[in-house]
N, C-alpha and C. Protein backbone atom coordinates (compact mmCIF):
# COMPACT_ATOMS: atom_id res chain seq x y z
N MET A 1 0.69 -1.32 -0.21
CA MET A 1 -0.07 -0.19 -0.02
C MET A 1 0.66 1.23 -0.18
N THR A 2 0.22 2.28 -0.50
CA THR A 2 1.02 3.74 -0.51
C THR A 2 0.18 4.53 0.53
N ASP A 3 1.14 6.09 0.77
CA ASP A 3 -0.10 6.86 1.78
C ASP A 3 0.06 7.90 0.57
N GLY A 4 0.33 7.71 -0.65
CA GLY A 4 -0.32 8.57 -1.72
C GLY A 4 1.19 9.42 -2.11
N SER A 5 1.92 9.46 -1.43
CA SER A 5 2.59 10.27 -1.56
C SER A 5 4.10 9.91 -3.17
N HIS A 6 4.07 8.69 -3.31
CA HIS A 6 4.69 8.15 -4.27
C HIS A 6 3.83 7.69 -5.57
N ILE A 7 2.67 8.58 -5.94
CA ILE A 7 1.73 8.42 -6.89
C ILE A 7 2.84 9.33 -8.28
N LEU A 8 2.71 8.55 -9.16
CA LEU A 8 3.00 8.91 -10.58
C LEU A 8 2.45 10.48 -10.87
N PRO A 9 3.34 11.49 -11.20
CA PRO A 9 2.79 12.34 -11.72
C PRO A 9 1.35 12.56 -12.81
N GLU A 10 1.70 11.79 -13.78
CA GLU A 10 0.65 11.25 -14.87
C GLU A 10 -0.93 10.88 -13.92
N LEU A 11 -0.43 10.17 -12.76
CA LEU A 11 -1.70 9.59 -12.66
C LEU A 11 -1.99 10.27 -11.64
N GLU A 12 -1.38 11.14 -11.09
CA GLU A 12 -1.88 12.35 -10.12
C GLU A 12 -2.73 13.57 -11.03
N GLU A 13 -2.05 13.52 -11.92
CA GLU A 13 -2.94 14.59 -13.45
C GLU A 13 -4.49 14.11 -13.83
N LEU A 14 -4.16 12.29 -13.84
CA LEU A 14 -5.81 12.22 -14.48
C LEU A 14 -6.43 11.84 -12.81
N LEU A 15 -6.16 11.97 -11.99
CA LEU A 15 -7.09 12.30 -10.75
C LEU A 15 -7.61 13.42 -10.55
N ALA A 16 -6.89 14.43 -10.48
CA ALA A 16 -7.17 15.91 -10.41
C ALA A 16 -8.15 16.42 -11.58
N LYS A 17 -8.09 15.91 -13.08
CA LYS A 17 -8.88 15.61 -14.23
C LYS A 17 -10.51 15.09 -13.51
N GLN A 18 -10.37 13.89 -13.50
CA GLN A 18 -11.29 13.44 -12.61
C GLN A 18 -12.31 14.00 -11.53
N ALA A 19 -11.25 14.61 -10.75
CA ALA A 19 -11.79 15.09 -9.39
C ALA A 19 -12.86 16.76 -10.13
N ILE A 20 -12.03 17.42 -11.14
CA ILE A 20 -12.56 18.60 -11.51
C ILE A 20 -13.99 17.95 -12.19
N THR A 21 -14.00 17.45 -12.94
CA THR A 21 -14.67 16.79 -14.16
C THR A 21 -16.34 16.77 -13.11
N GLU A 22 -15.91 16.29 -11.87
CA GLU A 22 -16.88 15.71 -10.87
C GLU A 22 -17.97 16.66 -10.38
N VAL A 23 -16.75 18.02 -10.30
CA VAL A 23 -17.33 19.01 -9.62
C VAL A 23 -18.27 19.67 -10.74
N LEU A 24 -17.88 19.94 -12.09
CA LEU A 24 -18.65 20.52 -13.42
C LEU A 24 -19.68 19.34 -13.20
N HIS A 25 -19.95 18.20 -13.20
CA HIS A 25 -21.11 17.61 -13.34
C HIS A 25 -22.07 17.94 -12.10
N ARG A 26 -21.39 17.99 -11.12
CA ARG A 26 -22.17 18.49 -9.43
C ARG A 26 -22.85 19.48 -9.94
N TYR A 27 -22.26 20.64 -10.58
CA TYR A 27 -23.00 21.91 -10.98
C TYR A 27 -24.20 21.50 -11.72
N CYS A 28 -24.06 20.90 -12.62
CA CYS A 28 -25.18 20.28 -13.52
C CYS A 28 -26.53 19.94 -12.97
N ARG A 29 -26.20 18.90 -11.85
CA ARG A 29 -26.88 18.36 -11.38
C ARG A 29 -27.89 19.18 -10.53
N GLY A 30 -26.95 19.94 -9.56
CA GLY A 30 -27.35 21.35 -8.57
C GLY A 30 -28.61 22.20 -9.11
N VAL A 31 -27.92 22.49 -10.23
CA VAL A 31 -28.98 23.63 -10.69
C VAL A 31 -30.43 22.87 -11.42
N ASP A 32 -30.15 21.73 -12.31
CA ASP A 32 -31.21 20.98 -12.59
C ASP A 32 -32.37 20.57 -11.54
N ARG A 33 -31.52 19.93 -10.35
CA ARG A 33 -32.56 19.50 -9.29
C ARG A 33 -32.81 20.70 -8.42
N LEU A 34 -32.61 21.96 -8.41
CA LEU A 34 -32.52 23.12 -7.32
C LEU A 34 -32.47 22.86 -6.17
N ASP A 35 -30.79 22.01 -6.45
CA ASP A 35 -30.28 21.63 -5.10
C ASP A 35 -29.33 22.72 -4.84
N GLU A 36 -29.90 23.58 -3.99
CA GLU A 36 -28.61 24.94 -3.40
C GLU A 36 -27.46 24.45 -2.69
N ASP A 37 -27.54 23.31 -1.99
CA ASP A 37 -26.37 23.34 -1.09
C ASP A 37 -25.12 22.32 -2.14
N LEU A 38 -25.75 21.62 -3.29
CA LEU A 38 -24.68 20.98 -4.08
C LEU A 38 -24.65 22.19 -4.79
N VAL A 39 -24.95 23.27 -5.45
CA VAL A 39 -24.41 24.17 -6.16
C VAL A 39 -23.48 24.94 -5.37
N ARG A 40 -23.84 25.67 -4.15
CA ARG A 40 -22.67 25.90 -3.34
C ARG A 40 -21.36 25.27 -3.03
N ASP A 41 -21.78 23.87 -2.84
CA ASP A 41 -20.32 23.26 -2.61
C ASP A 41 -19.39 22.99 -3.83
N ILE A 42 -19.68 23.59 -5.00
CA ILE A 42 -18.76 23.38 -5.95
C ILE A 42 -17.58 24.69 -5.77
N TYR A 43 -17.84 25.73 -4.98
CA TYR A 43 -17.03 26.93 -4.86
C TYR A 43 -16.22 26.80 -3.57
N HIS A 44 -14.82 27.16 -3.83
CA HIS A 44 -14.53 27.53 -2.51
C HIS A 44 -15.07 28.55 -1.99
N ASP A 45 -14.79 29.04 -0.57
CA ASP A 45 -15.48 29.84 0.02
C ASP A 45 -15.51 31.36 -0.59
N ASP A 46 -14.05 31.80 -0.81
CA ASP A 46 -13.57 33.32 -1.63
C ASP A 46 -13.86 32.80 -3.12
N ALA A 47 -14.86 32.14 -3.57
CA ALA A 47 -15.11 32.13 -5.15
C ALA A 47 -15.63 33.14 -5.79
N PHE A 48 -15.43 33.56 -6.90
CA PHE A 48 -16.27 34.65 -7.40
C PHE A 48 -16.89 33.81 -9.03
N ASP A 49 -17.98 34.21 -8.78
CA ASP A 49 -18.83 33.26 -10.08
C ASP A 49 -19.21 34.87 -11.46
N ASP A 50 -18.85 34.83 -12.44
CA ASP A 50 -19.52 35.94 -13.11
C ASP A 50 -20.54 35.36 -14.39
N HIS A 51 -21.64 35.07 -14.18
CA HIS A 51 -22.73 34.42 -14.78
C HIS A 51 -23.43 35.38 -16.01
N GLY A 52 -23.03 36.32 -16.08
CA GLY A 52 -23.47 37.53 -16.75
C GLY A 52 -24.59 38.16 -16.18
N TYR A 53 -25.66 37.97 -16.08
CA TYR A 53 -26.85 38.43 -15.46
C TYR A 53 -26.80 38.53 -13.99
N TRP A 54 -25.84 37.97 -13.61
CA TRP A 54 -25.23 37.95 -12.04
C TRP A 54 -23.65 37.59 -11.88
N SER A 55 -23.11 38.44 -11.15
CA SER A 55 -21.42 38.60 -10.44
C SER A 55 -21.35 38.61 -8.92
N GLY A 56 -20.86 38.03 -8.25
CA GLY A 56 -20.66 37.91 -7.38
C GLY A 56 -20.15 36.78 -6.42
N ARG A 57 -20.05 36.27 -4.86
CA ARG A 57 -19.17 35.45 -4.57
C ARG A 57 -20.14 34.09 -5.10
N GLY A 58 -19.26 32.93 -5.16
CA GLY A 58 -20.02 31.56 -5.76
C GLY A 58 -20.79 31.21 -4.83
N HIS A 59 -20.62 31.23 -2.90
CA HIS A 59 -21.52 30.65 -2.41
C HIS A 59 -23.31 31.41 -2.55
N ASP A 60 -23.53 32.95 -2.68
CA ASP A 60 -24.29 33.88 -3.03
C ASP A 60 -25.06 33.35 -4.21
N PHE A 61 -24.28 33.00 -5.46
CA PHE A 61 -25.01 32.35 -6.57
C PHE A 61 -25.88 31.32 -6.42
N ALA A 62 -25.77 30.53 -5.59
CA ALA A 62 -26.24 29.40 -5.15
C ALA A 62 -28.07 29.64 -4.78
N PRO A 63 -27.90 30.60 -4.17
CA PRO A 63 -29.55 30.44 -3.72
C PRO A 63 -30.34 31.04 -4.68
N PHE A 64 -29.80 32.52 -5.18
CA PHE A 64 -29.69 33.15 -6.69
C PHE A 64 -30.55 32.23 -7.67
N VAL A 65 -29.49 31.49 -8.37
CA VAL A 65 -29.80 30.75 -9.81
C VAL A 65 -30.93 29.80 -8.85
N VAL A 66 -31.01 28.70 -8.04
CA VAL A 66 -31.90 27.84 -7.28
C VAL A 66 -33.54 28.66 -7.65
N ASN A 67 -33.31 29.81 -7.12
CA ASN A 67 -34.97 30.55 -6.66
C ASN A 67 -35.29 31.28 -7.81
N ARG A 68 -34.48 31.58 -8.80
CA ARG A 68 -34.41 32.46 -10.17
C ARG A 68 -35.24 30.90 -10.88
N LEU A 69 -34.31 29.80 -11.44
CA LEU A 69 -34.90 28.74 -11.83
C LEU A 69 -36.19 28.49 -11.53
N ARG A 70 -36.29 28.05 -10.27
CA ARG A 70 -37.37 27.67 -9.81
C ARG A 70 -38.71 28.30 -9.92
N GLN A 71 -38.62 29.99 -9.76
CA GLN A 71 -39.64 30.42 -10.07
C GLN A 71 -39.76 31.12 -12.02
N GLU A 72 -39.07 30.57 -12.72
CA GLU A 72 -39.09 31.04 -13.96
C GLU A 72 -38.73 29.83 -14.90
N ASN A 73 -38.48 28.76 -14.57
CA ASN A 73 -38.33 27.64 -15.61
C ASN A 73 -39.13 26.63 -14.93
N ALA A 74 -39.96 25.66 -15.77
CA ALA A 74 -40.77 24.49 -15.33
C ALA A 74 -39.61 23.26 -15.36
N TRP A 75 -38.55 23.26 -16.13
CA TRP A 75 -37.46 22.54 -15.85
C TRP A 75 -36.30 22.87 -16.57
N THR A 76 -35.22 22.51 -16.52
CA THR A 76 -33.84 22.49 -17.14
C THR A 76 -33.30 21.79 -17.23
N THR A 77 -32.51 21.79 -18.11
CA THR A 77 -31.00 20.67 -18.42
C THR A 77 -30.36 21.48 -18.66
N HIS A 78 -28.65 21.27 -18.10
CA HIS A 78 -27.38 21.64 -18.19
C HIS A 78 -26.68 20.29 -18.69
N SER A 79 -25.78 20.68 -19.65
CA SER A 79 -25.13 19.22 -20.14
C SER A 79 -23.92 19.75 -20.34
N ILE A 80 -22.62 18.88 -19.76
CA ILE A 80 -21.56 19.21 -20.34
C ILE A 80 -21.00 18.24 -21.70
N THR A 81 -20.36 19.10 -22.25
CA THR A 81 -20.22 18.08 -23.65
C THR A 81 -18.63 18.19 -23.58
N ASN A 82 -18.12 18.73 -24.04
CA ASN A 82 -16.59 18.83 -24.15
C ASN A 82 -16.24 19.83 -23.12
N ALA A 83 -14.84 19.00 -22.29
CA ALA A 83 -14.15 19.32 -21.00
C ALA A 83 -13.01 19.70 -21.60
N LEU A 84 -12.07 20.81 -21.54
CA LEU A 84 -10.74 20.92 -21.57
C LEU A 84 -9.75 21.56 -20.13
N ILE A 85 -9.47 20.30 -19.32
CA ILE A 85 -8.94 20.62 -18.46
C ILE A 85 -7.20 20.78 -18.53
N GLU A 86 -6.75 21.91 -17.79
CA GLU A 86 -5.47 21.77 -17.64
C GLU A 86 -4.87 22.21 -16.25
N VAL A 87 -4.17 21.09 -15.53
CA VAL A 87 -3.83 21.20 -14.17
C VAL A 87 -2.09 21.70 -14.21
N ARG A 88 -2.14 22.22 -13.17
CA ARG A 88 -0.52 22.74 -13.01
C ARG A 88 -0.35 22.41 -11.35
N GLY A 89 -0.30 21.72 -11.20
CA GLY A 89 -0.09 21.42 -9.45
C GLY A 89 -0.94 21.67 -9.04
N ASP A 90 -1.31 22.40 -7.92
CA ASP A 90 -2.54 22.44 -7.43
C ASP A 90 -3.46 23.44 -7.75
N VAL A 91 -3.70 23.55 -9.00
CA VAL A 91 -4.40 24.50 -9.32
C VAL A 91 -4.56 23.93 -11.14
N ALA A 92 -5.69 24.51 -11.49
CA ALA A 92 -6.40 24.30 -13.02
C ALA A 92 -6.95 25.14 -13.47
N ILE A 93 -7.10 24.94 -15.22
CA ILE A 93 -8.02 26.02 -15.75
C ILE A 93 -8.90 24.86 -16.49
N SER A 94 -10.38 25.20 -16.81
CA SER A 94 -10.87 24.50 -17.60
C SER A 94 -11.99 25.05 -18.25
N GLU A 95 -12.23 24.87 -19.61
CA GLU A 95 -13.01 25.13 -20.57
C GLU A 95 -13.98 24.39 -20.97
N SER A 96 -15.21 24.08 -20.30
CA SER A 96 -16.23 23.35 -20.84
C SER A 96 -17.42 23.98 -21.34
N GLN A 97 -17.55 23.26 -22.31
CA GLN A 97 -18.46 23.41 -23.44
C GLN A 97 -19.86 23.08 -22.31
N VAL A 98 -21.20 23.81 -22.75
CA VAL A 98 -22.01 23.54 -21.48
C VAL A 98 -23.68 23.75 -22.85
N MET A 99 -24.46 22.53 -22.76
CA MET A 99 -25.63 22.64 -23.54
C MET A 99 -26.82 23.26 -22.68
N VAL A 100 -27.77 24.43 -22.62
CA VAL A 100 -28.71 24.45 -21.84
C VAL A 100 -30.00 24.63 -22.16
N HIS A 101 -30.88 23.51 -21.78
CA HIS A 101 -32.38 24.21 -22.46
C HIS A 101 -33.22 24.51 -20.77
N LEU A 102 -34.09 25.59 -20.84
CA LEU A 102 -35.14 26.44 -20.22
C LEU A 102 -36.35 26.09 -20.40
N LYS A 103 -37.34 25.39 -19.99
CA LYS A 103 -38.41 25.47 -20.54
C LYS A 103 -39.05 26.64 -19.71
N ARG A 104 -39.37 27.80 -20.35
CA ARG A 104 -39.94 28.91 -19.61
C ARG A 104 -41.76 28.46 -18.98
N ARG A 105 -41.35 29.28 -17.78
CA ARG A 105 -43.17 29.13 -17.25
C ARG A 105 -43.91 30.38 -18.00
N ASN A 106 -44.76 30.11 -18.48
CA ASN A 106 -45.31 30.75 -19.37
C ASN A 106 -46.83 30.69 -19.57
N GLY A 107 -47.50 29.69 -18.80
CA GLY A 107 -49.07 29.56 -19.22
C GLY A 107 -49.26 29.24 -20.62
N GLY A 108 -48.62 29.54 -21.55
CA GLY A 108 -48.97 29.62 -22.84
C GLY A 108 -48.49 27.99 -23.38
N PRO A 109 -47.97 28.46 -24.55
CA PRO A 109 -47.18 27.54 -25.52
C PRO A 109 -45.86 27.20 -24.80
N VAL A 110 -45.22 25.78 -24.90
CA VAL A 110 -44.45 25.50 -24.50
C VAL A 110 -42.82 26.37 -25.26
N ILE A 111 -42.20 26.82 -24.85
CA ILE A 111 -41.17 28.13 -24.96
C ILE A 111 -39.80 27.60 -24.48
N VAL A 112 -39.00 27.19 -25.05
CA VAL A 112 -38.01 26.13 -24.65
C VAL A 112 -36.43 27.55 -25.21
N ASP A 113 -36.06 27.80 -23.86
CA ASP A 113 -34.51 28.80 -24.24
C ASP A 113 -33.70 27.87 -24.52
N VAL A 114 -32.64 27.96 -25.55
CA VAL A 114 -31.46 26.44 -25.98
C VAL A 114 -30.19 27.69 -26.12
N MET A 115 -29.42 27.36 -25.12
CA MET A 115 -27.96 28.14 -25.59
C MET A 115 -27.01 27.30 -25.63
N GLY A 116 -25.96 27.48 -25.95
CA GLY A 116 -24.76 27.13 -26.29
C GLY A 116 -23.77 27.81 -25.43
N ALA A 117 -22.90 27.43 -24.41
CA ALA A 117 -22.47 28.28 -23.68
C ALA A 117 -20.84 27.60 -23.12
N ARG A 118 -20.19 28.41 -22.39
CA ARG A 118 -18.79 27.69 -22.10
C ARG A 118 -18.22 28.33 -20.50
N TYR A 119 -18.25 27.39 -19.92
CA TYR A 119 -17.60 27.64 -17.94
C TYR A 119 -16.67 27.43 -18.48
N VAL A 120 -15.90 28.94 -18.04
CA VAL A 120 -14.14 29.06 -18.27
C VAL A 120 -13.88 28.99 -16.40
N ASP A 121 -13.20 28.09 -16.00
CA ASP A 121 -13.23 27.91 -14.61
C ASP A 121 -11.34 27.83 -14.24
N ARG A 122 -11.31 28.47 -13.18
CA ARG A 122 -10.13 28.56 -12.39
C ARG A 122 -10.35 27.94 -11.15
N PHE A 123 -9.45 26.21 -10.89
CA PHE A 123 -9.79 25.43 -9.96
C PHE A 123 -8.50 25.45 -8.88
N SER A 124 -8.72 25.18 -7.75
CA SER A 124 -7.64 24.99 -6.66
C SER A 124 -7.87 23.89 -6.26
N LYS A 125 -7.13 23.37 -5.65
CA LYS A 125 -6.79 22.00 -4.50
C LYS A 125 -6.69 22.79 -3.47
N ARG A 126 -7.36 22.52 -2.53
CA ARG A 126 -7.23 23.06 -1.13
C ARG A 126 -7.88 21.83 -0.08
N ASN A 127 -6.79 21.82 0.97
CA ASN A 127 -7.33 20.42 1.89
C ASN A 127 -8.01 19.15 1.10
N GLY A 128 -6.78 19.02 -0.22
CA GLY A 128 -7.44 17.87 -0.72
C GLY A 128 -8.56 17.71 -1.41
N VAL A 129 -9.12 19.06 -1.80
CA VAL A 129 -10.43 18.66 -2.46
C VAL A 129 -10.25 20.24 -3.44
N TRP A 130 -10.75 19.67 -4.93
CA TRP A 130 -10.90 20.43 -5.93
C TRP A 130 -12.04 21.29 -5.95
N LYS A 131 -12.14 22.37 -5.90
CA LYS A 131 -13.37 23.81 -6.18
C LYS A 131 -12.91 24.65 -6.85
N ILE A 132 -13.83 25.11 -7.66
CA ILE A 132 -13.96 26.46 -8.26
C ILE A 132 -13.35 27.60 -7.30
N ASP A 133 -12.19 28.38 -7.87
CA ASP A 133 -12.03 29.52 -7.43
C ASP A 133 -12.61 30.77 -8.38
N GLU A 134 -12.74 30.70 -9.52
CA GLU A 134 -13.40 31.72 -10.61
C GLU A 134 -13.79 31.08 -11.52
N ARG A 135 -15.30 31.55 -11.78
CA ARG A 135 -15.94 31.08 -13.08
C ARG A 135 -16.50 32.23 -13.97
N THR A 136 -16.14 32.40 -15.01
CA THR A 136 -16.67 32.96 -16.28
C THR A 136 -17.48 32.32 -17.16
N VAL A 137 -18.84 32.52 -17.35
CA VAL A 137 -19.83 32.05 -18.35
C VAL A 137 -20.00 32.46 -19.53
N VAL A 138 -19.51 32.16 -20.91
CA VAL A 138 -19.39 33.02 -21.85
C VAL A 138 -20.25 32.19 -22.77
N LEU A 139 -21.68 33.01 -23.18
CA LEU A 139 -22.48 32.70 -23.86
C LEU A 139 -22.08 33.08 -25.50
N ASP A 140 -22.10 31.61 -26.16
CA ASP A 140 -21.88 31.80 -27.40
C ASP A 140 -22.73 31.91 -28.31
N TRP A 141 -24.15 31.36 -27.89
CA TRP A 141 -25.27 31.46 -28.99
C TRP A 141 -26.53 31.54 -28.22
N HIS A 142 -27.68 32.08 -28.52
CA HIS A 142 -28.88 31.45 -27.75
C HIS A 142 -29.98 31.76 -28.59
N LYS A 143 -30.84 30.65 -28.58
CA LYS A 143 -32.06 30.86 -29.80
C LYS A 143 -33.46 30.38 -28.81
N VAL A 144 -34.46 31.02 -28.95
CA VAL A 144 -36.05 30.60 -28.62
C VAL A 144 -36.60 29.18 -29.84
N GLU A 145 -36.95 28.31 -28.79
CA GLU A 145 -37.68 27.56 -29.63
C GLU A 145 -39.18 27.54 -29.10
N ASN A 146 -40.08 27.65 -29.87
CA ASN A 146 -41.69 27.17 -29.89
C ASN A 146 -41.92 25.67 -30.09
N TRP A 147 -42.24 25.05 -28.91
CA TRP A 147 -41.98 23.21 -28.92
C TRP A 147 -43.55 23.13 -28.90
N ALA A 148 -44.64 24.01 -29.12
CA ALA A 148 -46.25 23.90 -29.01
C ALA A 148 -46.52 22.99 -30.16
N GLY A 149 -47.24 21.84 -29.90
CA GLY A 149 -47.87 20.97 -30.86
C GLY A 149 -46.76 19.84 -31.49
N GLN A 150 -45.85 19.93 -30.72
CA GLN A 150 -44.88 18.60 -31.09
C GLN A 150 -44.96 17.22 -30.29
N GLU A 151 -45.75 16.55 -30.48
CA GLU A 151 -46.37 15.34 -29.46
C GLU A 151 -45.34 14.56 -29.62
N ALA A 152 -45.05 13.87 -27.83
CA ALA A 152 -44.08 12.72 -28.41
C ALA A 152 -44.44 11.46 -28.65
N GLN A 153 -43.77 10.70 -29.45
CA GLN A 153 -44.18 9.37 -30.10
C GLN A 153 -44.11 8.07 -29.32
N ILE A 154 -43.69 8.38 -27.87
CA ILE A 154 -43.60 7.22 -27.15
C ILE A 154 -44.47 7.60 -25.73
N PRO A 155 -44.99 6.57 -25.05
CA PRO A 155 -45.85 6.50 -23.72
C PRO A 155 -45.09 7.36 -22.82
N LEU A 156 -44.76 8.46 -22.48
CA LEU A 156 -44.02 9.58 -21.40
C LEU A 156 -44.74 9.22 -20.28
N GLU A 157 -45.85 8.78 -20.41
CA GLU A 157 -46.39 8.62 -18.64
C GLU A 157 -45.55 7.27 -17.77
N LEU A 158 -45.28 6.14 -18.67
CA LEU A 158 -44.52 5.35 -18.38
C LEU A 158 -43.46 5.54 -17.40
N PHE A 159 -42.78 6.50 -17.94
CA PHE A 159 -41.10 6.84 -17.40
C PHE A 159 -41.82 7.43 -16.04
N THR A 160 -40.36 7.10 -15.43
CA THR A 160 -40.04 7.98 -13.82
C THR A 160 -39.99 9.41 -13.98
N THR A 161 -41.02 10.42 -13.75
CA THR A 161 -40.62 11.41 -13.80
C THR A 161 -39.48 12.28 -12.89
N GLY A 162 -38.76 13.19 -13.86
CA GLY A 162 -37.77 13.90 -12.90
C GLY A 162 -38.40 14.94 -12.15
N LYS A 163 -37.66 14.82 -11.01
CA LYS A 163 -38.15 16.44 -10.00
C LYS A 163 -37.12 17.28 -9.65
N ARG A 164 -37.62 18.35 -9.43
CA ARG A 164 -36.47 19.49 -9.36
C ARG A 164 -36.18 19.51 -7.88
N GLU A 165 -36.10 18.30 -6.92
CA GLU A 165 -36.00 18.61 -5.49
C GLU A 165 -35.50 16.90 -4.72
N ARG A 166 -35.61 16.79 -3.89
CA ARG A 166 -34.46 15.99 -3.14
C ARG A 166 -35.48 14.54 -3.44
N THR A 167 -36.69 14.64 -3.90
CA THR A 167 -37.32 13.22 -4.35
C THR A 167 -37.09 12.79 -5.70
N ASP A 168 -35.86 13.89 -6.08
CA ASP A 168 -35.68 12.94 -8.00
C ASP A 168 -35.20 11.54 -7.53
N ALA A 169 -35.16 10.41 -8.76
CA ALA A 169 -34.71 9.26 -8.63
C ALA A 169 -33.32 9.42 -8.19
N VAL A 170 -32.40 10.09 -8.76
CA VAL A 170 -30.96 10.23 -7.94
C VAL A 170 -30.70 10.11 -6.71
N TYR A 171 -31.46 11.29 -6.30
CA TYR A 171 -31.39 11.15 -4.49
C TYR A 171 -31.63 10.18 -3.84
N ILE A 172 -33.01 9.12 -4.35
CA ILE A 172 -33.62 8.02 -3.64
C ILE A 172 -33.04 6.84 -4.10
N MET A 173 -32.01 6.75 -5.21
CA MET A 173 -30.85 6.09 -5.26
C MET A 173 -29.46 5.66 -4.13
N HIS A 174 -29.44 7.19 -4.07
CA HIS A 174 -28.19 7.33 -2.60
C HIS A 174 -28.68 7.01 -1.42
N GLU A 175 -29.97 6.99 -1.22
CA GLU A 175 -30.38 6.72 0.13
C GLU A 175 -30.50 5.29 -0.10
N LYS A 176 -31.07 4.69 -0.83
CA LYS A 176 -30.84 3.54 -0.73
C LYS A 176 -29.59 2.70 -0.87
N MET A 177 -28.61 3.13 -1.41
CA MET A 177 -27.31 2.73 -1.32
C MET A 177 -26.96 2.60 -0.21
N THR A 178 -27.14 3.99 0.43
CA THR A 178 -26.45 4.53 2.19
C THR A 178 -27.48 3.47 2.99
N LEU A 179 -28.41 3.12 3.22
CA LEU A 179 -29.37 2.15 3.52
C LEU A 179 -28.90 0.68 3.66
N GLN A 180 -28.31 0.22 2.22
CA GLN A 180 -27.67 -1.02 2.25
C GLN A 180 -26.33 -1.23 2.89
N GLU A 181 -25.70 -0.18 2.84
CA GLU A 181 -24.20 0.14 3.74
C GLU A 181 -24.44 -0.31 5.20
N GLU A 182 -25.35 0.59 5.54
CA GLU A 182 -25.80 0.76 6.66
C GLU A 182 -26.49 -0.95 7.52
N GLY A 183 -27.18 -1.50 6.84
CA GLY A 183 -27.94 -2.46 7.28
C GLY A 183 -27.19 -3.55 7.14
């Protein structure tokens, strides 16, 4: 066994990239499930986030974005596509492309904002944990789509429905795993 002090530099870099990738994915889960704690946890305490329509401390962004999405959107999907991560010791820069779909709460036809953007992030590893120090959201393009009259060709009622809270299937699966581990 090793205490980690003799890990090859290449392996250390791969572990860092995986940890950073998981931070990026947790952010997407957090905003789509309206999980304020999960969104807050991707940032170091002194982190800064510039989301264009909002700039300030990362920890303050978490309640803002969760409340905004809850009020303005019936559902959201944030999907990281390409992520280029460059690690230099205990700091890293990443550029992650993201596709965003936001269904408006408008009471009328189904209107969806579709965006192509990039998260340009500076990460650091503190106390063994990778988190964001600074985030800039770069909006590359945006369009509005009217989905009215587009009916699904599969029986949607047979699927488990996604929820924007801790009763979503992913949280239930985690609870089951925890109960099995404890039982």
